[in-house]
Amino acid sequence: MGAHSRKCDWCGSGTPVVRDMEPVNPEFQFWCEDCARALIIKGDPIETYRELDGEPIYGRLLDEHCTLKRFYSFVTA
């Protein structure tokens, strides 16, 4: 199943923009922009991720909303 035919694992309706490459719970790997933003604001950002659309949507969200910078890893296919 391709990323474009998936839905966000958290809300079940959004189109995923990022994949957690080291998920704590394997049932929650694909995140839409709104749910990914909520994770960052909550203080639980995805640390090892892959952007799904080729645009740095998640990286932009980290820059905009993450006050405590950690070591994040962008994973290429």
C-alpha atoms as a PDB file:
ATOM      1  CA  MET A   1       0.000   0.000   0.000  1.00  0.00           C
ATOM      2  CA  GLY A   2       1.484   3.309  -1.047  1.00  0.00           C
ATOM      3  CA  ALA A   3       1.704   6.306   1.247  1.00  0.00           C
ATOM      4  CA  HIS A   4      -0.902   8.210  -0.811  1.00  0.00           C
ATOM      5  CA  SER A   5      -3.519   5.503  -0.279  1.00  0.00           C
ATOM      6  CA  ARG A   6      -2.915   5.483   3.499  1.00  0.00           C
ATOM      7  CA  LYS A   7      -4.584   7.565   6.144  1.00  0.00           C
ATOM      8  CA  CYS A   8      -3.054   9.007   9.292  1.00  0.00           C
ATOM      9  CA  ASP A   9      -2.668   6.265  11.889  1.00  0.00           C
ATOM     10  CA  TRP A  10      -3.723   8.635  14.694  1.00  0.00           C
ATOM     11  CA  CYS A  11      -6.812  10.475  13.390  1.00  0.00           C
ATOM     12  CA  GLY A  12      -7.688   8.002  10.642  1.00  0.00           C
ATOM     13  CA  SER A  13      -8.651  10.666   8.141  1.00  0.00           C
ATOM     14  CA  GLY A  14      -5.681  12.882   7.228  1.00  0.00           C
ATOM     15  CA  THR A  15      -3.227  12.165   4.425  1.00  0.00           C
ATOM     16  CA  PRO A  16       0.164  11.237   5.917  1.00  0.00           C
ATOM     17  CA  VAL A  17       3.053  13.633   5.336  1.00  0.00           C
ATOM     18  CA  VAL A  18       5.623  11.940   7.569  1.00  0.00           C
ATOM     19  CA  ARG A  19       6.526   8.424   8.675  1.00  0.00           C
ATOM     20  CA  ASP A  20       8.043   7.623  12.054  1.00  0.00           C
ATOM     21  CA  MET A  21      10.933   5.292  11.223  1.00  0.00           C
ATOM     22  CA  GLU A  22      11.386   4.153  14.845  1.00  0.00           C
ATOM     23  CA  PRO A  23       7.854   4.132  16.272  1.00  0.00           C
ATOM     24  CA  VAL A  24       7.303   3.242  19.905  1.00  0.00           C
ATOM     25  CA  ASN A  25       4.040   1.618  18.829  1.00  0.00           C
ATOM     26  CA  PRO A  26       4.096   0.107  15.318  1.00  0.00           C
ATOM     27  CA  GLU A  27       0.400   0.890  14.896  1.00  0.00           C
ATOM     28  CA  PHE A  28       1.258   4.610  14.745  1.00  0.00           C
ATOM     29  CA  GLN A  29       3.827   5.120  11.991  1.00  0.00           C
ATOM     30  CA  PHE A  30       2.122   7.476   9.533  1.00  0.00           C
ATOM     31  CA  TRP A  31       1.099  10.995  10.602  1.00  0.00           C
ATOM     32  CA  CYS A  32      -0.850  13.754   8.854  1.00  0.00           C
ATOM     33  CA  GLU A  33       0.327  17.360   9.162  1.00  0.00           C
ATOM     34  CA  ASP A  34      -2.157  18.290  11.908  1.00  0.00           C
ATOM     35  CA  CYS A  35      -1.374  15.259  14.077  1.00  0.00           C
ATOM     36  CA  ALA A  36       2.383  15.676  13.528  1.00  0.00           C
ATOM     37  CA  ARG A  37       2.093  19.336  14.597  1.00  0.00           C
ATOM     38  CA  ALA A  38       0.189  18.244  17.730  1.00  0.00           C
ATOM     39  CA  LEU A  39       2.994  15.784  18.597  1.00  0.00           C
ATOM     40  CA  ILE A  40       5.604  18.521  18.305  1.00  0.00           C
ATOM     41  CA  ILE A  41       3.602  21.001  20.367  1.00  0.00           C
ATOM     42  CA  LYS A  42       2.992  18.317  23.004  1.00  0.00           C
ATOM     43  CA  GLY A  43       6.755  17.896  23.236  1.00  0.00           C
ATOM     44  CA  ASP A  44       6.905  14.411  21.740  1.00  0.00           C
ATOM     45  CA  PRO A  45       8.242  14.970  18.198  1.00  0.00           C
ATOM     46  CA  ILE A  46       9.222  12.196  15.821  1.00  0.00           C
ATOM     47  CA  GLU A  47      13.005  11.978  15.986  1.00  0.00           C
ATOM     48  CA  THR A  48      13.774   9.643  13.075  1.00  0.00           C
ATOM     49  CA  TYR A  49      11.449  10.369  10.209  1.00  0.00           C
ATOM     50  CA  ARG A  50      10.907  10.276   6.474  1.00  0.00           C
ATOM     51  CA  GLU A  51       9.010  12.949   4.571  1.00  0.00           C
ATOM     52  CA  LEU A  52       6.467  11.281   2.284  1.00  0.00           C
ATOM     53  CA  ASP A  53       5.669  13.972  -0.284  1.00  0.00           C
ATOM     54  CA  GLY A  54       9.194  15.086  -1.075  1.00  0.00           C
ATOM     55  CA  GLU A  55       8.539  18.463   0.549  1.00  0.00           C
ATOM     56  CA  PRO A  56      10.051  19.228   3.968  1.00  0.00           C
ATOM     57  CA  ILE A  57       6.667  19.632   5.676  1.00  0.00           C
ATOM     58  CA  TYR A  58       7.708  17.943   8.906  1.00  0.00           C
ATOM     59  CA  GLY A  59      11.068  19.705   8.967  1.00  0.00           C
ATOM     60  CA  ARG A  60       9.238  23.028   8.626  1.00  0.00           C
ATOM     61  CA  LEU A  61       6.913  22.064  11.494  1.00  0.00           C
ATOM     62  CA  LEU A  62       9.931  21.269  13.670  1.00  0.00           C
ATOM     63  CA  ASP A  63      11.471  24.655  12.872  1.00  0.00           C
ATOM     64  CA  GLU A  64       8.219  26.493  13.609  1.00  0.00           C
ATOM     65  CA  HIS A  65       7.067  24.716  16.764  1.00  0.00           C
ATOM     66  CA  CYS A  66       9.980  22.968  18.468  1.00  0.00           C
ATOM     67  CA  THR A  67      11.634  25.101  21.122  1.00  0.00           C
ATOM     68  CA  LEU A  68      13.941  22.383  22.451  1.00  0.00           C
ATOM     69  CA  LYS A  69      16.140  21.284  19.570  1.00  0.00           C
ATOM     70  CA  ARG A  70      17.115  17.621  19.617  1.00  0.00           C
ATOM     71  CA  PHE A  71      18.978  15.530  17.131  1.00  0.00           C
ATOM     72  CA  TYR A  72      16.543  14.675  14.373  1.00  0.00           C
ATOM     73  CA  SER A  73      17.289  12.329  11.528  1.00  0.00           C
ATOM     74  CA  PHE A  74      15.839  12.613   8.081  1.00  0.00           C
ATOM     75  CA  VAL A  75      15.817   9.159   6.518  1.00  0.00           C
ATOM     76  CA  THR A  76      16.021   8.794   2.764  1.00  0.00           C
ATOM     77  CA  ALA A  77      14.408   5.901   0.925  1.00  0.00           C
END
